[in-house]
Amino acid sequence: MNKETCPKGKHFHLFGKDVFERDNRQELIEASDPNQALEKFILNLDEKWEGAIEVKAHGKAKESNLALIDFWRTPLR
């Protein structure tokens, strides 16, 4: 993800690290706030996916930068 691929509207960069590191993901999601971006990201996950999700603002889209939201998802089953 770089400046050329980012949309002009409000968006967030999300990083998902699977607990077993077999299904790591990166997504750019257009949303009005970080919570909405997290919700959209979770809706696209398999129901058994477990791991850490970081929501970053545009310009802070590196895993080493402080996240707006740092969330752990554990499936209910």
N, C-alpha and C. Protein backbone atom coordinates (compact mmCIF):
# COMPACT_ATOMS: atom_id res chain seq x y z
N MET A 1 0.85 -1.18 0.00
CA MET A 1 0.00 0.00 0.00
C MET A 1 0.89 1.24 0.00
N ASN A 2 0.67 2.09 -0.95
CA ASN A 2 1.45 3.32 -1.01
C ASN A 2 0.54 4.49 -1.35
N LYS A 3 1.11 5.67 -1.43
CA LYS A 3 0.31 6.87 -1.69
C LYS A 3 -0.47 6.79 -2.99
N GLU A 4 0.08 6.12 -4.00
CA GLU A 4 -0.60 6.04 -5.29
C GLU A 4 -1.84 5.14 -5.23
N THR A 5 -1.86 4.15 -4.35
CA THR A 5 -2.99 3.24 -4.28
C THR A 5 -4.03 3.64 -3.24
N CYS A 6 -3.74 4.62 -2.43
CA CYS A 6 -4.69 5.06 -1.40
C CYS A 6 -5.79 5.92 -2.01
N PRO A 7 -7.03 5.71 -1.57
CA PRO A 7 -8.12 6.55 -2.05
C PRO A 7 -8.01 7.96 -1.46
N LYS A 8 -8.66 8.90 -2.07
CA LYS A 8 -8.61 10.28 -1.60
C LYS A 8 -9.48 10.48 -0.37
N GLY A 9 -10.52 9.65 -0.21
CA GLY A 9 -11.43 9.77 0.94
C GLY A 9 -10.82 9.21 2.22
N LYS A 10 -11.59 9.31 3.31
CA LYS A 10 -11.13 8.82 4.61
C LYS A 10 -11.03 7.30 4.58
N HIS A 11 -9.87 6.80 4.98
CA HIS A 11 -9.63 5.36 4.95
C HIS A 11 -8.62 4.98 6.04
N PHE A 12 -8.55 3.68 6.27
CA PHE A 12 -7.67 3.15 7.30
C PHE A 12 -6.95 1.93 6.75
N HIS A 13 -5.77 1.67 7.28
CA HIS A 13 -4.97 0.51 6.90
C HIS A 13 -5.09 -0.51 8.03
N LEU A 14 -5.45 -1.73 7.68
CA LEU A 14 -5.63 -2.77 8.68
C LEU A 14 -4.67 -3.92 8.44
N PHE A 15 -4.13 -4.44 9.52
CA PHE A 15 -3.20 -5.56 9.47
C PHE A 15 -3.74 -6.65 10.39
N GLY A 16 -3.94 -7.84 9.85
CA GLY A 16 -4.40 -8.97 10.64
C GLY A 16 -3.32 -10.04 10.67
N LYS A 17 -2.92 -10.42 11.88
CA LYS A 17 -1.91 -11.48 12.05
C LYS A 17 -2.59 -12.69 12.68
N ASP A 18 -2.71 -13.74 11.88
CA ASP A 18 -3.29 -14.99 12.35
C ASP A 18 -2.44 -15.55 13.49
N VAL A 19 -3.10 -16.14 14.47
CA VAL A 19 -2.40 -16.69 15.63
C VAL A 19 -1.33 -17.70 15.21
N PHE A 20 -1.54 -18.41 14.11
CA PHE A 20 -0.56 -19.37 13.61
C PHE A 20 0.26 -18.82 12.45
N GLU A 21 0.04 -17.56 12.09
CA GLU A 21 0.71 -16.86 10.99
C GLU A 21 0.58 -17.57 9.65
N ARG A 22 -0.57 -18.22 9.43
CA ARG A 22 -0.84 -18.88 8.15
C ARG A 22 -1.76 -18.04 7.28
N ASP A 23 -2.50 -17.13 7.90
CA ASP A 23 -3.47 -16.33 7.16
C ASP A 23 -3.35 -14.87 7.58
N ASN A 24 -2.16 -14.28 7.39
CA ASN A 24 -1.96 -12.86 7.68
C ASN A 24 -2.57 -12.04 6.56
N ARG A 25 -3.11 -10.88 6.90
CA ARG A 25 -3.80 -10.05 5.91
C ARG A 25 -3.45 -8.58 6.09
N GLN A 26 -3.57 -7.86 4.96
CA GLN A 26 -3.46 -6.40 4.95
C GLN A 26 -4.60 -5.89 4.10
N GLU A 27 -5.32 -4.91 4.59
CA GLU A 27 -6.41 -4.33 3.81
C GLU A 27 -6.45 -2.83 4.01
N LEU A 28 -6.92 -2.17 3.01
CA LEU A 28 -7.18 -0.74 3.04
C LEU A 28 -8.70 -0.63 2.98
N ILE A 29 -9.30 0.00 3.99
CA ILE A 29 -10.76 0.06 4.07
C ILE A 29 -11.20 1.51 4.20
N GLU A 30 -12.12 1.91 3.32
CA GLU A 30 -12.72 3.23 3.42
C GLU A 30 -13.81 3.18 4.48
N ALA A 31 -13.73 4.09 5.44
CA ALA A 31 -14.68 4.13 6.55
C ALA A 31 -14.65 5.51 7.18
N SER A 32 -15.70 5.82 7.93
CA SER A 32 -15.78 7.14 8.56
C SER A 32 -14.95 7.21 9.84
N ASP A 33 -14.71 6.06 10.49
CA ASP A 33 -13.90 6.05 11.71
C ASP A 33 -13.23 4.68 11.86
N PRO A 34 -12.25 4.58 12.76
CA PRO A 34 -11.50 3.33 12.90
C PRO A 34 -12.37 2.14 13.33
N ASN A 35 -13.38 2.38 14.16
CA ASN A 35 -14.25 1.30 14.60
C ASN A 35 -15.04 0.71 13.44
N GLN A 36 -15.51 1.56 12.55
CA GLN A 36 -16.24 1.08 11.37
C GLN A 36 -15.31 0.27 10.47
N ALA A 37 -14.07 0.70 10.32
CA ALA A 37 -13.09 -0.04 9.51
C ALA A 37 -12.84 -1.42 10.12
N LEU A 38 -12.70 -1.49 11.45
CA LEU A 38 -12.49 -2.77 12.14
C LEU A 38 -13.69 -3.69 11.92
N GLU A 39 -14.89 -3.16 12.02
CA GLU A 39 -16.10 -3.96 11.82
C GLU A 39 -16.13 -4.54 10.40
N LYS A 40 -15.80 -3.73 9.40
CA LYS A 40 -15.79 -4.20 8.01
C LYS A 40 -14.74 -5.29 7.82
N PHE A 41 -13.57 -5.12 8.43
CA PHE A 41 -12.50 -6.10 8.32
C PHE A 41 -12.94 -7.44 8.92
N ILE A 42 -13.54 -7.41 10.10
CA ILE A 42 -13.97 -8.62 10.79
C ILE A 42 -15.04 -9.36 9.99
N LEU A 43 -15.92 -8.62 9.34
CA LEU A 43 -16.97 -9.26 8.54
C LEU A 43 -16.41 -10.07 7.38
N ASN A 44 -15.20 -9.74 6.92
CA ASN A 44 -14.58 -10.46 5.81
C ASN A 44 -13.73 -11.65 6.25
N LEU A 45 -13.63 -11.88 7.55
CA LEU A 45 -12.81 -12.98 8.05
C LEU A 45 -13.62 -14.27 8.12
N ASP A 46 -12.91 -15.38 7.95
CA ASP A 46 -13.50 -16.69 8.16
C ASP A 46 -13.91 -16.77 9.64
N GLU A 47 -14.98 -17.49 9.93
CA GLU A 47 -15.48 -17.55 11.31
C GLU A 47 -14.49 -18.17 12.29
N LYS A 48 -13.51 -18.95 11.80
CA LYS A 48 -12.52 -19.58 12.68
C LYS A 48 -11.22 -18.80 12.79
N TRP A 49 -11.11 -17.67 12.08
CA TRP A 49 -9.87 -16.88 12.11
C TRP A 49 -9.65 -16.32 13.51
N GLU A 50 -8.43 -16.48 14.02
CA GLU A 50 -8.07 -15.94 15.33
C GLU A 50 -6.75 -15.21 15.22
N GLY A 51 -6.66 -14.05 15.82
CA GLY A 51 -5.41 -13.33 15.79
C GLY A 51 -5.55 -11.86 16.15
N ALA A 52 -4.49 -11.12 15.92
CA ALA A 52 -4.41 -9.70 16.24
C ALA A 52 -4.78 -8.87 15.02
N ILE A 53 -5.50 -7.79 15.26
CA ILE A 53 -5.87 -6.86 14.19
C ILE A 53 -5.47 -5.46 14.64
N GLU A 54 -4.74 -4.76 13.78
CA GLU A 54 -4.36 -3.38 14.05
C GLU A 54 -4.99 -2.48 13.01
N VAL A 55 -5.58 -1.38 13.48
CA VAL A 55 -6.16 -0.37 12.60
C VAL A 55 -5.25 0.85 12.68
N LYS A 56 -4.75 1.27 11.52
CA LYS A 56 -3.83 2.42 11.45
C LYS A 56 -4.42 3.51 10.57
N ALA A 57 -4.10 4.74 10.90
CA ALA A 57 -4.52 5.87 10.08
C ALA A 57 -3.63 5.95 8.85
N HIS A 58 -4.13 6.61 7.81
CA HIS A 58 -3.32 6.84 6.62
C HIS A 58 -2.06 7.59 7.04
N GLY A 59 -0.94 7.21 6.48
CA GLY A 59 0.33 7.86 6.85
C GLY A 59 1.02 7.14 7.99
N LYS A 60 0.32 6.24 8.66
CA LYS A 60 0.90 5.46 9.76
C LYS A 60 0.78 3.97 9.45
N ALA A 61 0.81 3.64 8.18
CA ALA A 61 0.49 2.28 7.73
C ALA A 61 1.67 1.32 7.78
N LYS A 62 2.46 1.37 8.81
CA LYS A 62 3.53 0.41 9.00
C LYS A 62 3.28 -0.30 10.32
N GLU A 63 3.61 -1.56 10.37
CA GLU A 63 3.32 -2.33 11.58
C GLU A 63 4.06 -1.81 12.81
N SER A 64 5.14 -1.07 12.62
CA SER A 64 5.90 -0.58 13.77
C SER A 64 5.28 0.68 14.39
N ASN A 65 4.39 1.35 13.66
CA ASN A 65 3.76 2.57 14.20
C ASN A 65 2.61 2.22 15.13
N LEU A 66 2.32 3.15 16.03
CA LEU A 66 1.25 2.97 16.99
C LEU A 66 -0.10 2.84 16.29
N ALA A 67 -0.88 1.85 16.69
CA ALA A 67 -2.19 1.61 16.09
C ALA A 67 -3.26 2.48 16.75
N LEU A 68 -4.29 2.83 15.99
CA LEU A 68 -5.46 3.50 16.56
C LEU A 68 -6.25 2.50 17.40
N ILE A 69 -6.35 1.27 16.88
CA ILE A 69 -7.02 0.18 17.59
C ILE A 69 -6.13 -1.05 17.49
N ASP A 70 -5.93 -1.72 18.60
CA ASP A 70 -5.21 -2.98 18.65
C ASP A 70 -6.19 -3.99 19.24
N PHE A 71 -6.64 -4.94 18.43
CA PHE A 71 -7.76 -5.80 18.78
C PHE A 71 -7.37 -7.26 18.63
N TRP A 72 -7.81 -8.11 19.56
CA TRP A 72 -7.58 -9.55 19.43
C TRP A 72 -8.93 -10.21 19.20
N ARG A 73 -9.01 -11.01 18.13
CA ARG A 73 -10.25 -11.71 17.81
C ARG A 73 -10.08 -13.19 18.10
N THR A 74 -11.00 -13.71 18.92
CA THR A 74 -11.06 -15.14 19.23
C THR A 74 -12.43 -15.63 18.81
N PRO A 75 -12.50 -16.67 18.00
CA PRO A 75 -13.80 -17.20 17.59
C PRO A 75 -14.59 -17.72 18.79
N LEU A 76 -15.91 -17.66 18.69
CA LEU A 76 -16.76 -18.13 19.78
C LEU A 76 -16.82 -19.64 19.85
N ARG A 77 -16.53 -20.32 18.74
CA ARG A 77 -16.59 -21.79 18.72
C ARG A 77 -15.25 -22.41 18.93
